[in-house]
Amino acid sequence: MPIDHNISLNRNYRGEPGKFEMYLGWWRWGTVPIEWIERITGPSIYDEHLERRGEGFHHLGLEVKDMDEGIKLLDVRGAPASQTGGWDNPRAIGRFAYLDTEPVGGVVAELIWNQPK
């Protein structure tokens, strides 16, 4: 599994500028991508998860066509964005948003918008 040191662009954590960094590993099982995350610095939602539940399954990622609309739709339903950021690399530009869906669904939802270059 290739692992990268990730410092996301436009980081935001709980409504404030974010300082989180993490190691990210990617692997595919058929068409299903598997993401491995190890936090480096925080605070972050990864820190919160480790404190409450320890290591293990954290979130489900869902691709969206319009990130702002996706965040807005879930925010009005009581699941605000808890951590957001983006990327710009040789392959793609994109954004991510973790939403506070754990209280209603038992797991965090991540919205992902990815545009190939």
PDB file of N, CA and C in Angstrom:
ATOM      1  N   MET A   1       0.848  -1.173   0.000  1.00  0.00           N
ATOM      2  CA  MET A   1       0.000   0.000   0.000  1.00  0.00           C
ATOM      3  C   MET A   1       0.890   1.232   0.000  1.00  0.00           C
ATOM      4  N   PRO A   2       0.816   2.055  -1.030  1.00  0.00           N
ATOM      5  CA  PRO A   2       1.579   3.302  -1.024  1.00  0.00           C
ATOM      6  C   PRO A   2       1.055   4.241   0.067  1.00  0.00           C
ATOM      7  N   ILE A   3       1.961   4.901   0.756  1.00  0.00           N
ATOM      8  CA  ILE A   3       1.596   5.809   1.850  1.00  0.00           C
ATOM      9  C   ILE A   3       2.192   7.184   1.580  1.00  0.00           C
ATOM     10  N   ASP A   4       1.357   8.227   1.739  1.00  0.00           N
ATOM     11  CA  ASP A   4       1.795   9.605   1.537  1.00  0.00           C
ATOM     12  C   ASP A   4       1.608  10.406   2.815  1.00  0.00           C
ATOM     13  N   HIS A   5       2.510  11.369   3.030  1.00  0.00           N
ATOM     14  CA  HIS A   5       2.337  12.353   4.093  1.00  0.00           C
ATOM     15  C   HIS A   5       1.410  13.419   3.536  1.00  0.00           C
ATOM     16  N   ASN A   6       0.216  13.543   4.104  1.00  0.00           N
ATOM     17  CA  ASN A   6      -0.798  14.447   3.578  1.00  0.00           C
ATOM     18  C   ASN A   6      -0.905  15.709   4.419  1.00  0.00           C
ATOM     19  N   ILE A   7      -0.766  16.837   3.753  1.00  0.00           N
ATOM     20  CA  ILE A   7      -1.074  18.142   4.332  1.00  0.00           C
ATOM     21  C   ILE A   7      -2.101  18.756   3.393  1.00  0.00           C
ATOM     22  N   SER A   8      -3.362  18.660   3.759  1.00  0.00           N
ATOM     23  CA  SER A   8      -4.443  19.113   2.898  1.00  0.00           C
ATOM     24  C   SER A   8      -4.426  20.621   2.714  1.00  0.00           C
ATOM     25  N   LEU A   9      -4.993  21.068   1.601  1.00  0.00           N
ATOM     26  CA  LEU A   9      -5.181  22.491   1.342  1.00  0.00           C
ATOM     27  C   LEU A   9      -6.444  22.966   2.054  1.00  0.00           C
ATOM     28  N   ASN A  10      -6.502  24.233   2.378  1.00  0.00           N
ATOM     29  CA  ASN A  10      -7.711  24.850   2.937  1.00  0.00           C
ATOM     30  C   ASN A  10      -8.296  24.047   4.097  1.00  0.00           C
ATOM     31  N   ARG A  11      -7.443  23.658   5.030  1.00  0.00           N
ATOM     32  CA  ARG A  11      -7.878  22.830   6.153  1.00  0.00           C
ATOM     33  C   ARG A  11      -8.779  23.598   7.114  1.00  0.00           C
ATOM     34  N   ASN A  12      -9.832  22.926   7.554  1.00  0.00           N
ATOM     35  CA  ASN A  12     -10.762  23.496   8.515  1.00  0.00           C
ATOM     36  C   ASN A  12     -11.180  22.395   9.473  1.00  0.00           C
ATOM     37  N   TYR A  13     -11.144  22.703  10.766  1.00  0.00           N
ATOM     38  CA  TYR A  13     -11.550  21.746  11.800  1.00  0.00           C
ATOM     39  C   TYR A  13     -12.520  22.435  12.739  1.00  0.00           C
ATOM     40  N   ARG A  14     -13.742  21.960  12.762  1.00  0.00           N
ATOM     41  CA  ARG A  14     -14.794  22.474  13.653  1.00  0.00           C
ATOM     42  C   ARG A  14     -14.945  23.998  13.553  1.00  0.00           C
ATOM     43  N   GLY A  15     -14.935  24.496  12.306  1.00  0.00           N
ATOM     44  CA  GLY A  15     -15.180  25.913  12.061  1.00  0.00           C
ATOM     45  C   GLY A  15     -13.985  26.826  12.207  1.00  0.00           C
ATOM     46  N   GLU A  16     -12.818  26.271  12.496  1.00  0.00           N
ATOM     47  CA  GLU A  16     -11.587  27.050  12.667  1.00  0.00           C
ATOM     48  C   GLU A  16     -10.531  26.551  11.679  1.00  0.00           C
ATOM     49  N   PRO A  17      -9.527  27.377  11.371  1.00  0.00           N
ATOM     50  CA  PRO A  17      -8.440  26.885  10.519  1.00  0.00           C
ATOM     51  C   PRO A  17      -7.824  25.622  11.117  1.00  0.00           C
ATOM     52  N   GLY A  18      -7.629  24.609  10.290  1.00  0.00           N
ATOM     53  CA  GLY A  18      -7.102  23.335  10.762  1.00  0.00           C
ATOM     54  C   GLY A  18      -5.597  23.244  10.622  1.00  0.00           C
ATOM     55  N   LYS A  19      -4.997  22.437  11.508  1.00  0.00           N
ATOM     56  CA  LYS A  19      -3.558  22.188  11.474  1.00  0.00           C
ATOM     57  C   LYS A  19      -3.260  20.702  11.323  1.00  0.00           C
ATOM     58  N   PHE A  20      -4.292  19.914  11.058  1.00  0.00           N
ATOM     59  CA  PHE A  20      -4.136  18.462  11.015  1.00  0.00           C
ATOM     60  C   PHE A  20      -3.301  18.018   9.819  1.00  0.00           C
ATOM     61  N   GLU A  21      -2.535  16.972  10.072  1.00  0.00           N
ATOM     62  CA  GLU A  21      -1.764  16.277   9.037  1.00  0.00           C
ATOM     63  C   GLU A  21      -1.907  14.789   9.296  1.00  0.00           C
ATOM     64  N   MET A  22      -1.771  13.990   8.243  1.00  0.00           N
ATOM     65  CA  MET A  22      -1.893  12.556   8.407  1.00  0.00           C
ATOM     66  C   MET A  22      -1.106  11.814   7.335  1.00  0.00           C
ATOM     67  N   TYR A  23      -0.828  10.551   7.639  1.00  0.00           N
ATOM     68  CA  TYR A  23      -0.326   9.640   6.623  1.00  0.00           C
ATOM     69  C   TYR A  23      -1.550   8.969   6.012  1.00  0.00           C
ATOM     70  N   LEU A  24      -1.583   8.906   4.681  1.00  0.00           N
ATOM     71  CA  LEU A  24      -2.685   8.255   3.970  1.00  0.00           C
ATOM     72  C   LEU A  24      -2.145   7.108   3.138  1.00  0.00           C
ATOM     73  N   GLY A  25      -2.807   5.982   3.238  1.00  0.00           N
ATOM     74  CA  GLY A  25      -2.496   4.834   2.404  1.00  0.00           C
ATOM     75  C   GLY A  25      -3.727   4.450   1.607  1.00  0.00           C
ATOM     76  N   TRP A  26      -3.533   4.041   0.354  1.00  0.00           N
ATOM     77  CA  TRP A  26      -4.647   3.691  -0.526  1.00  0.00           C
ATOM     78  C   TRP A  26      -4.468   2.293  -1.077  1.00  0.00           C
ATOM     79  N   TRP A  27      -5.567   1.588  -1.153  1.00  0.00           N
ATOM     80  CA  TRP A  27      -5.579   0.242  -1.696  1.00  0.00           C
ATOM     81  C   TRP A  27      -6.963  -0.002  -2.280  1.00  0.00           C
ATOM     82  N   ARG A  28      -7.091  -0.837  -3.279  1.00  0.00           N
ATOM     83  CA  ARG A  28      -8.402  -1.164  -3.860  1.00  0.00           C
ATOM     84  C   ARG A  28      -8.678  -2.648  -3.722  1.00  0.00           C
ATOM     85  N   TRP A  29      -9.925  -2.932  -3.403  1.00  0.00           N
ATOM     86  CA  TRP A  29     -10.422  -4.295  -3.405  1.00  0.00           C
ATOM     87  C   TRP A  29     -11.513  -4.318  -4.461  1.00  0.00           C
ATOM     88  N   GLY A  30     -11.189  -4.747  -5.672  1.00  0.00           N
ATOM     89  CA  GLY A  30     -12.105  -4.626  -6.794  1.00  0.00           C
ATOM     90  C   GLY A  30     -12.309  -3.152  -7.112  1.00  0.00           C
ATOM     91  N   THR A  31     -13.545  -2.706  -7.070  1.00  0.00           N
ATOM     92  CA  THR A  31     -13.839  -1.298  -7.330  1.00  0.00           C
ATOM     93  C   THR A  31     -13.945  -0.475  -6.046  1.00  0.00           C
ATOM     94  N   VAL A  32     -13.746  -1.116  -4.899  1.00  0.00           N
ATOM     95  CA  VAL A  32     -13.889  -0.431  -3.612  1.00  0.00           C
ATOM     96  C   VAL A  32     -12.529   0.087  -3.140  1.00  0.00           C
ATOM     97  N   PRO A  33     -12.388   1.412  -2.998  1.00  0.00           N
ATOM     98  CA  PRO A  33     -11.135   1.942  -2.454  1.00  0.00           C
ATOM     99  C   PRO A  33     -11.119   1.827  -0.933  1.00  0.00           C
ATOM    100  N   ILE A  34      -9.971   1.455  -0.409  1.00  0.00           N
ATOM    101  CA  ILE A  34      -9.760   1.367   1.034  1.00  0.00           C
ATOM    102  C   ILE A  34      -8.720   2.428   1.384  1.00  0.00           C
ATOM    103  N   GLU A  35      -9.007   3.240   2.387  1.00  0.00           N
ATOM    104  CA  GLU A  35      -8.103   4.309   2.812  1.00  0.00           C
ATOM    105  C   GLU A  35      -7.647   4.027   4.245  1.00  0.00           C
ATOM    106  N   TRP A  36      -6.357   4.052   4.445  1.00  0.00           N
ATOM    107  CA  TRP A  36      -5.766   3.877   5.763  1.00  0.00           C
ATOM    108  C   TRP A  36      -5.259   5.248   6.209  1.00  0.00           C
ATOM    109  N   ILE A  37      -5.602   5.668   7.424  1.00  0.00           N
ATOM    110  CA  ILE A  37      -5.217   6.987   7.923  1.00  0.00           C
ATOM    111  C   ILE A  37      -4.505   6.842   9.254  1.00  0.00           C
ATOM    112  N   GLU A  38      -3.355   7.489   9.355  1.00  0.00           N
ATOM    113  CA  GLU A  38      -2.645   7.603  10.643  1.00  0.00           C
ATOM    114  C   GLU A  38      -2.422   9.084  10.896  1.00  0.00           C
ATOM    115  N   ARG A  39      -3.000   9.577  11.976  1.00  0.00           N
ATOM    116  CA  ARG A  39      -2.868  10.998  12.288  1.00  0.00           C
ATOM    117  C   ARG A  39      -1.429  11.320  12.663  1.00  0.00           C
ATOM    118  N   ILE A  40      -0.991  12.513  12.287  1.00  0.00           N
ATOM    119  CA  ILE A  40       0.339  12.989  12.654  1.00  0.00           C
ATOM    120  C   ILE A  40       0.193  14.139  13.642  1.00  0.00           C
ATOM    121  N   THR A  41      -0.569  15.166  13.235  1.00  0.00           N
ATOM    122  CA  THR A  41      -0.814  16.299  14.123  1.00  0.00           C
ATOM    123  C   THR A  41      -2.299  16.615  14.112  1.00  0.00           C
ATOM    124  N   GLY A  42      -2.737  17.310  15.110  1.00  0.00           N
ATOM    125  CA  GLY A  42      -4.144  17.657  15.233  1.00  0.00           C
ATOM    126  C   GLY A  42      -4.279  19.044  15.808  1.00  0.00           C
ATOM    127  N   PRO A  43      -5.446  19.341  16.304  1.00  0.00           N
ATOM    128  CA  PRO A  43      -6.551  18.417  16.526  1.00  0.00           C
ATOM    129  C   PRO A  43      -7.246  18.047  15.220  1.00  0.00           C
ATOM    130  N   SER A  44      -7.946  16.900  15.283  1.00  0.00           N
ATOM    131  CA  SER A  44      -8.653  16.406  14.109  1.00  0.00           C
ATOM    132  C   SER A  44      -9.778  15.476  14.549  1.00  0.00           C
ATOM    133  N   ILE A  45     -10.640  15.141  13.607  1.00  0.00           N
ATOM    134  CA  ILE A  45     -11.681  14.175  13.919  1.00  0.00           C
ATOM    135  C   ILE A  45     -11.092  12.788  14.136  1.00  0.00           C
ATOM    136  N   TYR A  46      -9.881  12.556  13.637  1.00  0.00           N
ATOM    137  CA  TYR A  46      -9.210  11.281  13.881  1.00  0.00           C
ATOM    138  C   TYR A  46      -8.825  11.167  15.361  1.00  0.00           C
ATOM    139  N   ASP A  47      -8.363  12.278  15.942  1.00  0.00           N
ATOM    140  CA  ASP A  47      -8.061  12.296  17.379  1.00  0.00           C
ATOM    141  C   ASP A  47      -9.319  11.986  18.187  1.00  0.00           C
ATOM    142  N   GLU A  48     -10.429  12.632  17.815  1.00  0.00           N
ATOM    143  CA  GLU A  48     -11.693  12.410  18.524  1.00  0.00           C
ATOM    144  C   GLU A  48     -12.099  10.938  18.471  1.00  0.00           C
ATOM    145  N   HIS A  49     -11.982  10.341  17.295  1.00  0.00           N
ATOM    146  CA  HIS A  49     -12.364   8.938  17.119  1.00  0.00           C
ATOM    147  C   HIS A  49     -11.488   8.027  17.980  1.00  0.00           C
ATOM    148  N   LEU A  50     -10.184   8.257  17.962  1.00  0.00           N
ATOM    149  CA  LEU A  50      -9.285   7.419  18.761  1.00  0.00           C
ATOM    150  C   LEU A  50      -9.593   7.526  20.253  1.00  0.00           C
ATOM    151  N   GLU A  51      -9.914   8.722  20.722  1.00  0.00           N
ATOM    152  CA  GLU A  51     -10.232   8.903  22.139  1.00  0.00           C
ATOM    153  C   GLU A  51     -11.529   8.180  22.521  1.00  0.00           C
ATOM    154  N   ARG A  52     -12.532   8.236  21.656  1.00  0.00           N
ATOM    155  CA  ARG A  52     -13.842   7.634  21.962  1.00  0.00           C
ATOM    156  C   ARG A  52     -13.895   6.132  21.709  1.00  0.00           C
ATOM    157  N   ARG A  53     -13.286   5.690  20.606  1.00  0.00           N
ATOM    158  CA  ARG A  53     -13.492   4.306  20.168  1.00  0.00           C
ATOM    159  C   ARG A  53     -12.226   3.502  19.958  1.00  0.00           C
ATOM    160  N   GLY A  54     -11.082   4.154  19.940  1.00  0.00           N
ATOM    161  CA  GLY A  54      -9.855   3.445  19.626  1.00  0.00           C
ATOM    162  C   GLY A  54      -9.701   3.263  18.125  1.00  0.00           C
ATOM    163  N   GLU A  55      -8.771   2.405  17.735  1.00  0.00           N
ATOM    164  CA  GLU A  55      -8.524   2.173  16.323  1.00  0.00           C
ATOM    165  C   GLU A  55      -9.669   1.407  15.692  1.00  0.00           C
ATOM    166  N   GLY A  56      -9.824   1.580  14.391  1.00  0.00           N
ATOM    167  CA  GLY A  56     -10.833   0.815  13.672  1.00  0.00           C
ATOM    168  C   GLY A  56     -11.541   1.642  12.631  1.00  0.00           C
ATOM    169  N   PHE A  57     -12.641   1.104  12.143  1.00  0.00           N
ATOM    170  CA  PHE A  57     -13.411   1.716  11.075  1.00  0.00           C
ATOM    171  C   PHE A  57     -13.857   3.118  11.477  1.00  0.00           C
ATOM    172  N   HIS A  58     -13.650   4.086  10.585  1.00  0.00           N
ATOM    173  CA  HIS A  58     -13.961   5.482  10.904  1.00  0.00           C
ATOM    174  C   HIS A  58     -15.067   6.087  10.052  1.00  0.00           C
ATOM    175  N   HIS A  59     -15.006   5.939   8.723  1.00  0.00           N
ATOM    176  CA  HIS A  59     -15.967   6.639   7.883  1.00  0.00           C
ATOM    177  C   HIS A  59     -16.251   5.911   6.572  1.00  0.00           C
ATOM    178  N   LEU A  60     -17.361   6.336   5.951  1.00  0.00           N
ATOM    179  CA  LEU A  60     -17.702   5.926   4.596  1.00  0.00           C
ATOM    180  C   LEU A  60     -17.567   7.140   3.702  1.00  0.00           C
ATOM    181  N   GLY A  61     -16.915   6.987   2.574  1.00  0.00           N
ATOM    182  CA  GLY A  61     -16.751   8.084   1.625  1.00  0.00           C
ATOM    183  C   GLY A  61     -17.778   7.996   0.510  1.00  0.00           C
ATOM    184  N   LEU A  62     -18.356   9.143   0.177  1.00  0.00           N
ATOM    185  CA  LEU A  62     -19.374   9.218  -0.865  1.00  0.00           C
ATOM    186  C   LEU A  62     -18.983  10.307  -1.854  1.00  0.00           C
ATOM    187  N   GLU A  63     -18.906   9.961  -3.138  1.00  0.00           N
ATOM    188  CA  GLU A  63     -18.571  10.959  -4.155  1.00  0.00           C
ATOM    189  C   GLU A  63     -19.781  11.841  -4.445  1.00  0.00           C
ATOM    190  N   VAL A  64     -19.509  13.137  -4.607  1.00  0.00           N
ATOM    191  CA  VAL A  64     -20.577  14.093  -4.927  1.00  0.00           C
ATOM    192  C   VAL A  64     -20.179  14.905  -6.151  1.00  0.00           C
ATOM    193  N   LYS A  65     -21.174  15.416  -6.862  1.00  0.00           N
ATOM    194  CA  LYS A  65     -20.924  16.266  -8.024  1.00  0.00           C
ATOM    195  C   LYS A  65     -20.784  17.724  -7.627  1.00  0.00           C
ATOM    196  N   ASP A  66     -21.408  18.120  -6.500  1.00  0.00           N
ATOM    197  CA  ASP A  66     -21.371  19.504  -6.039  1.00  0.00           C
ATOM    198  C   ASP A  66     -21.127  19.505  -4.532  1.00  0.00           C
ATOM    199  N   MET A  67     -19.893  19.768  -4.136  1.00  0.00           N
ATOM    200  CA  MET A  67     -19.510  19.699  -2.725  1.00  0.00           C
ATOM    201  C   MET A  67     -20.296  20.701  -1.884  1.00  0.00           C
ATOM    202  N   ASP A  68     -20.388  21.935  -2.332  1.00  0.00           N
ATOM    203  CA  ASP A  68     -21.081  22.952  -1.542  1.00  0.00           C
ATOM    204  C   ASP A  68     -22.542  22.583  -1.319  1.00  0.00           C
ATOM    205  N   GLU A  69     -23.199  22.076  -2.342  1.00  0.00           N
ATOM    206  CA  GLU A  69     -24.594  21.667  -2.205  1.00  0.00           C
ATOM    207  C   GLU A  69     -24.729  20.473  -1.256  1.00  0.00           C
ATOM    208  N   GLY A  70     -23.810  19.517  -1.355  1.00  0.00           N
ATOM    209  CA  GLY A  70     -23.832  18.349  -0.463  1.00  0.00           C
ATOM    210  C   GLY A  70     -23.678  18.745   1.000  1.00  0.00           C
ATOM    211  N   ILE A  71     -22.731  19.631   1.267  1.00  0.00           N
ATOM    212  CA  ILE A  71     -22.526  20.107   2.645  1.00  0.00           C
ATOM    213  C   ILE A  71     -23.779  20.819   3.138  1.00  0.00           C
ATOM    214  N   LYS A  72     -24.327  21.674   2.303  1.00  0.00           N
ATOM    215  CA  LYS A  72     -25.512  22.451   2.678  1.00  0.00           C
ATOM    216  C   LYS A  72     -26.704  21.533   2.987  1.00  0.00           C
ATOM    217  N   LEU A  73     -26.945  20.544   2.127  1.00  0.00           N
ATOM    218  CA  LEU A  73     -28.068  19.624   2.327  1.00  0.00           C
ATOM    219  C   LEU A  73     -27.963  18.864   3.647  1.00  0.00           C
ATOM    220  N   LEU A  74     -26.771  18.418   3.988  1.00  0.00           N
ATOM    221  CA  LEU A  74     -26.619  17.658   5.226  1.00  0.00           C
ATOM    222  C   LEU A  74     -26.590  18.560   6.456  1.00  0.00           C
ATOM    223  N   ASP A  75     -26.073  19.770   6.291  1.00  0.00           N
ATOM    224  CA  ASP A  75     -26.056  20.715   7.412  1.00  0.00           C
ATOM    225  C   ASP A  75     -27.478  21.037   7.872  1.00  0.00           C
ATOM    226  N   VAL A  76     -28.382  21.306   6.940  1.00  0.00           N
ATOM    227  CA  VAL A  76     -29.765  21.637   7.322  1.00  0.00           C
ATOM    228  C   VAL A  76     -30.496  20.429   7.914  1.00  0.00           C
ATOM    229  N   ARG A  77     -29.942  19.239   7.732  1.00  0.00           N
ATOM    230  CA  ARG A  77     -30.533  18.028   8.321  1.00  0.00           C
ATOM    231  C   ARG A  77     -29.838  17.639   9.627  1.00  0.00           C
ATOM    232  N   GLY A  78     -28.994  18.537  10.143  1.00  0.00           N
ATOM    233  CA  GLY A  78     -28.373  18.295  11.438  1.00  0.00           C
ATOM    234  C   GLY A  78     -27.037  17.597  11.411  1.00  0.00           C
ATOM    235  N   ALA A  79     -26.379  17.553  10.254  1.00  0.00           N
ATOM    236  CA  ALA A  79     -25.066  16.920  10.138  1.00  0.00           C
ATOM    237  C   ALA A  79     -24.075  17.922   9.551  1.00  0.00           C
ATOM    238  N   PRO A  80     -23.595  18.862  10.375  1.00  0.00           N
ATOM    239  CA  PRO A  80     -22.667  19.875   9.866  1.00  0.00           C
ATOM    240  C   PRO A  80     -21.289  19.288   9.543  1.00  0.00           C
ATOM    241  N   ALA A  81     -20.542  20.015   8.727  1.00  0.00           N
ATOM    242  CA  ALA A  81     -19.169  19.609   8.419  1.00  0.00           C
ATOM    243  C   ALA A  81     -18.307  19.781   9.665  1.00  0.00           C
ATOM    244  N   SER A  82     -17.534  18.755   9.976  1.00  0.00           N
ATOM    245  CA  SER A  82     -16.645  18.809  11.138  1.00  0.00           C
ATOM    246  C   SER A  82     -15.193  19.039  10.731  1.00  0.00           C
ATOM    247  N   GLN A  83     -14.822  18.582   9.544  1.00  0.00           N
ATOM    248  CA  GLN A  83     -13.447  18.737   9.073  1.00  0.00           C
ATOM    249  C   GLN A  83     -13.470  18.741   7.550  1.00  0.00           C
ATOM    250  N   THR A  84     -12.793  19.727   6.958  1.00  0.00           N
ATOM    251  CA  THR A  84     -12.768  19.836   5.500  1.00  0.00           C
ATOM    252  C   THR A  84     -11.368  20.169   5.013  1.00  0.00           C
ATOM    253  N   GLY A  85     -11.166  19.971   3.735  1.00  0.00           N
ATOM    254  CA  GLY A  85      -9.890  20.311   3.121  1.00  0.00           C
ATOM    255  C   GLY A  85      -9.926  19.973   1.643  1.00  0.00           C
ATOM    256  N   GLY A  86      -8.766  20.015   1.024  1.00  0.00           N
ATOM    257  CA  GLY A  86      -8.702  19.723  -0.396  1.00  0.00           C
ATOM    258  C   GLY A  86      -7.327  19.277  -0.823  1.00  0.00           C
ATOM    259  N   TRP A  87      -7.186  19.046  -2.124  1.00  0.00           N
ATOM    260  CA  TRP A  87      -5.905  18.632  -2.690  1.00  0.00           C
ATOM    261  C   TRP A  87      -5.773  19.163  -4.106  1.00  0.00           C
ATOM    262  N   ASP A  88      -4.549  19.276  -4.525  1.00  0.00           N
ATOM    263  CA  ASP A  88      -4.206  19.649  -5.890  1.00  0.00           C
ATOM    264  C   ASP A  88      -2.891  18.945  -6.183  1.00  0.00           C
ATOM    265  N   ASN A  89      -2.969  17.857  -6.942  1.00  0.00           N
ATOM    266  CA  ASN A  89      -1.767  17.092  -7.270  1.00  0.00           C
ATOM    267  C   ASN A  89      -1.715  16.894  -8.782  1.00  0.00           C
ATOM    268  N   PRO A  90      -0.691  16.245  -9.308  1.00  0.00           N
ATOM    269  CA  PRO A  90      -0.584  16.092 -10.768  1.00  0.00           C
ATOM    270  C   PRO A  90      -1.758  15.350 -11.419  1.00  0.00           C
ATOM    271  N   ARG A  91      -2.463  14.519 -10.651  1.00  0.00           N
ATOM    272  CA  ARG A  91      -3.560  13.729 -11.215  1.00  0.00           C
ATOM    273  C   ARG A  91      -4.929  14.399 -11.103  1.00  0.00           C
ATOM    274  N   ALA A  92      -5.157  15.164 -10.019  1.00  0.00           N
ATOM    275  CA  ALA A  92      -6.507  15.686  -9.789  1.00  0.00           C
ATOM    276  C   ALA A  92      -6.500  16.836  -8.793  1.00  0.00           C
ATOM    277  N   ILE A  93      -7.606  17.570  -8.808  1.00  0.00           N
ATOM    278  CA  ILE A  93      -7.883  18.527  -7.743  1.00  0.00           C
ATOM    279  C   ILE A  93      -9.172  18.057  -7.080  1.00  0.00           C
ATOM    280  N   GLY A  94      -9.328  18.376  -5.816  1.00  0.00           N
ATOM    281  CA  GLY A  94     -10.528  17.904  -5.151  1.00  0.00           C
ATOM    282  C   GLY A  94     -10.702  18.482  -3.763  1.00  0.00           C
ATOM    283  N   ARG A  95     -11.806  18.085  -3.168  1.00  0.00           N
ATOM    284  CA  ARG A  95     -12.159  18.528  -1.823  1.00  0.00           C
ATOM    285  C   ARG A  95     -12.770  17.360  -1.058  1.00  0.00           C
ATOM    286  N   PHE A  96     -12.667  17.433   0.263  1.00  0.00           N
ATOM    287  CA  PHE A  96     -13.336  16.460   1.115  1.00  0.00           C
ATOM    288  C   PHE A  96     -14.026  17.198   2.253  1.00  0.00           C
ATOM    289  N   ALA A  97     -15.070  16.577   2.778  1.00  0.00           N
ATOM    290  CA  ALA A  97     -15.777  17.122   3.933  1.00  0.00           C
ATOM    291  C   ALA A  97     -16.296  15.963   4.767  1.00  0.00           C
ATOM    292  N   TYR A  98     -15.838  15.893   6.017  1.00  0.00           N
ATOM    293  CA  TYR A  98     -16.399  14.930   6.958  1.00  0.00           C
ATOM    294  C   TYR A  98     -17.583  15.593   7.637  1.00  0.00           C
ATOM    295  N   LEU A  99     -18.667  14.830   7.802  1.00  0.00           N
ATOM    296  CA  LEU A  99     -19.886  15.367   8.382  1.00  0.00           C
ATOM    297  C   LEU A  99     -20.210  14.644   9.683  1.00  0.00           C
ATOM    298  N   ASP A 100     -20.834  15.354  10.611  1.00  0.00           N
ATOM    299  CA  ASP A 100     -21.203  14.770  11.909  1.00  0.00           C
ATOM    300  C   ASP A 100     -22.447  13.898  11.768  1.00  0.00           C
ATOM    301  N   THR A 101     -22.304  12.765  11.095  1.00  0.00           N
ATOM    302  CA  THR A 101     -23.418  11.835  10.901  1.00  0.00           C
ATOM    303  C   THR A 101     -23.379  10.671  11.885  1.00  0.00           C
ATOM    304  N   GLU A 102     -22.328  10.557  12.662  1.00  0.00           N
ATOM    305  CA  GLU A 102     -22.185   9.431  13.584  1.00  0.00           C
ATOM    306  C   GLU A 102     -23.365   9.297  14.559  1.00  0.00           C
ATOM    307  N   PRO A 103     -23.878  10.394  15.131  1.00  0.00           N
ATOM    308  CA  PRO A 103     -24.997  10.235  16.075  1.00  0.00           C
ATOM    309  C   PRO A 103     -26.263   9.630  15.445  1.00  0.00           C
ATOM    310  N   VAL A 104     -26.472   9.834  14.159  1.00  0.00           N
ATOM    311  CA  VAL A 104     -27.692   9.318  13.535  1.00  0.00           C
ATOM    312  C   VAL A 104     -27.470   8.031  12.752  1.00  0.00           C
ATOM    313  N   GLY A 105     -26.241   7.750  12.336  1.00  0.00           N
ATOM    314  CA  GLY A 105     -25.993   6.564  11.527  1.00  0.00           C
ATOM    315  C   GLY A 105     -24.928   5.642  12.075  1.00  0.00           C
ATOM    316  N   GLY A 106     -24.264   6.051  13.152  1.00  0.00           N
ATOM    317  CA  GLY A 106     -23.239   5.206  13.754  1.00  0.00           C
ATOM    318  C   GLY A 106     -21.883   5.276  13.089  1.00  0.00           C
ATOM    319  N   VAL A 107     -21.772   6.069  12.016  1.00  0.00           N
ATOM    320  CA  VAL A 107     -20.500   6.194  11.314  1.00  0.00           C
ATOM    321  C   VAL A 107     -20.409   7.608  10.719  1.00  0.00           C
ATOM    322  N   VAL A 108     -19.204   8.087  10.550  1.00  0.00           N
ATOM    323  CA  VAL A 108     -18.970   9.394   9.934  1.00  0.00           C
ATOM    324  C   VAL A 108     -19.118   9.251   8.421  1.00  0.00           C
ATOM    325  N   ALA A 109     -19.732  10.235   7.784  1.00  0.00           N
ATOM    326  CA  ALA A 109     -19.822  10.276   6.317  1.00  0.00           C
ATOM    327  C   ALA A 109     -18.810  11.297   5.806  1.00  0.00           C
ATOM    328  N   GLU A 110     -18.133  10.932   4.734  1.00  0.00           N
ATOM    329  CA  GLU A 110     -17.207  11.846   4.077  1.00  0.00           C
ATOM    330  C   GLU A 110     -17.702  12.100   2.661  1.00  0.00           C
ATOM    331  N   LEU A 111     -17.861  13.362   2.312  1.00  0.00           N
ATOM    332  CA  LEU A 111     -18.174  13.722   0.934  1.00  0.00           C
ATOM    333  C   LEU A 111     -16.866  13.979   0.204  1.00  0.00           C
ATOM    334  N   ILE A 112     -16.775  13.506  -1.035  1.00  0.00           N
ATOM    335  CA  ILE A 112     -15.544  13.628  -1.826  1.00  0.00           C
ATOM    336  C   ILE A 112     -15.904  14.182  -3.198  1.00  0.00           C
ATOM    337  N   TRP A 113     -15.215  15.245  -3.574  1.00  0.00           N
ATOM    338  CA  TRP A 113     -15.340  15.789  -4.920  1.00  0.00           C
ATOM    339  C   TRP A 113     -13.953  15.744  -5.546  1.00  0.00           C
ATOM    340  N   ASN A 114     -13.865  15.107  -6.707  1.00  0.00           N
ATOM    341  CA  ASN A 114     -12.584  14.862  -7.356  1.00  0.00           C
ATOM    342  C   ASN A 114     -12.707  15.187  -8.829  1.00  0.00           C
ATOM    343  N   GLN A 115     -11.829  16.050  -9.321  1.00  0.00           N
ATOM    344  CA  GLN A 115     -11.832  16.426 -10.736  1.00  0.00           C
ATOM    345  C   GLN A 115     -10.479  16.063 -11.345  1.00  0.00           C
ATOM    346  N   PRO A 116     -10.442  15.067 -12.250  1.00  0.00           N
ATOM    347  CA  PRO A 116      -9.177  14.739 -12.906  1.00  0.00           C
ATOM    348  C   PRO A 116      -8.653  15.936 -13.710  1.00  0.00           C
ATOM    349  N   LYS A 117      -7.358  16.041 -13.814  1.00  0.00           N
ATOM    350  CA  LYS A 117      -6.745  17.125 -14.591  1.00  0.00           C
ATOM    351  C   LYS A 117      -6.564  16.686 -16.027  1.00  0.00           C
TER     352      LYS A 117
END
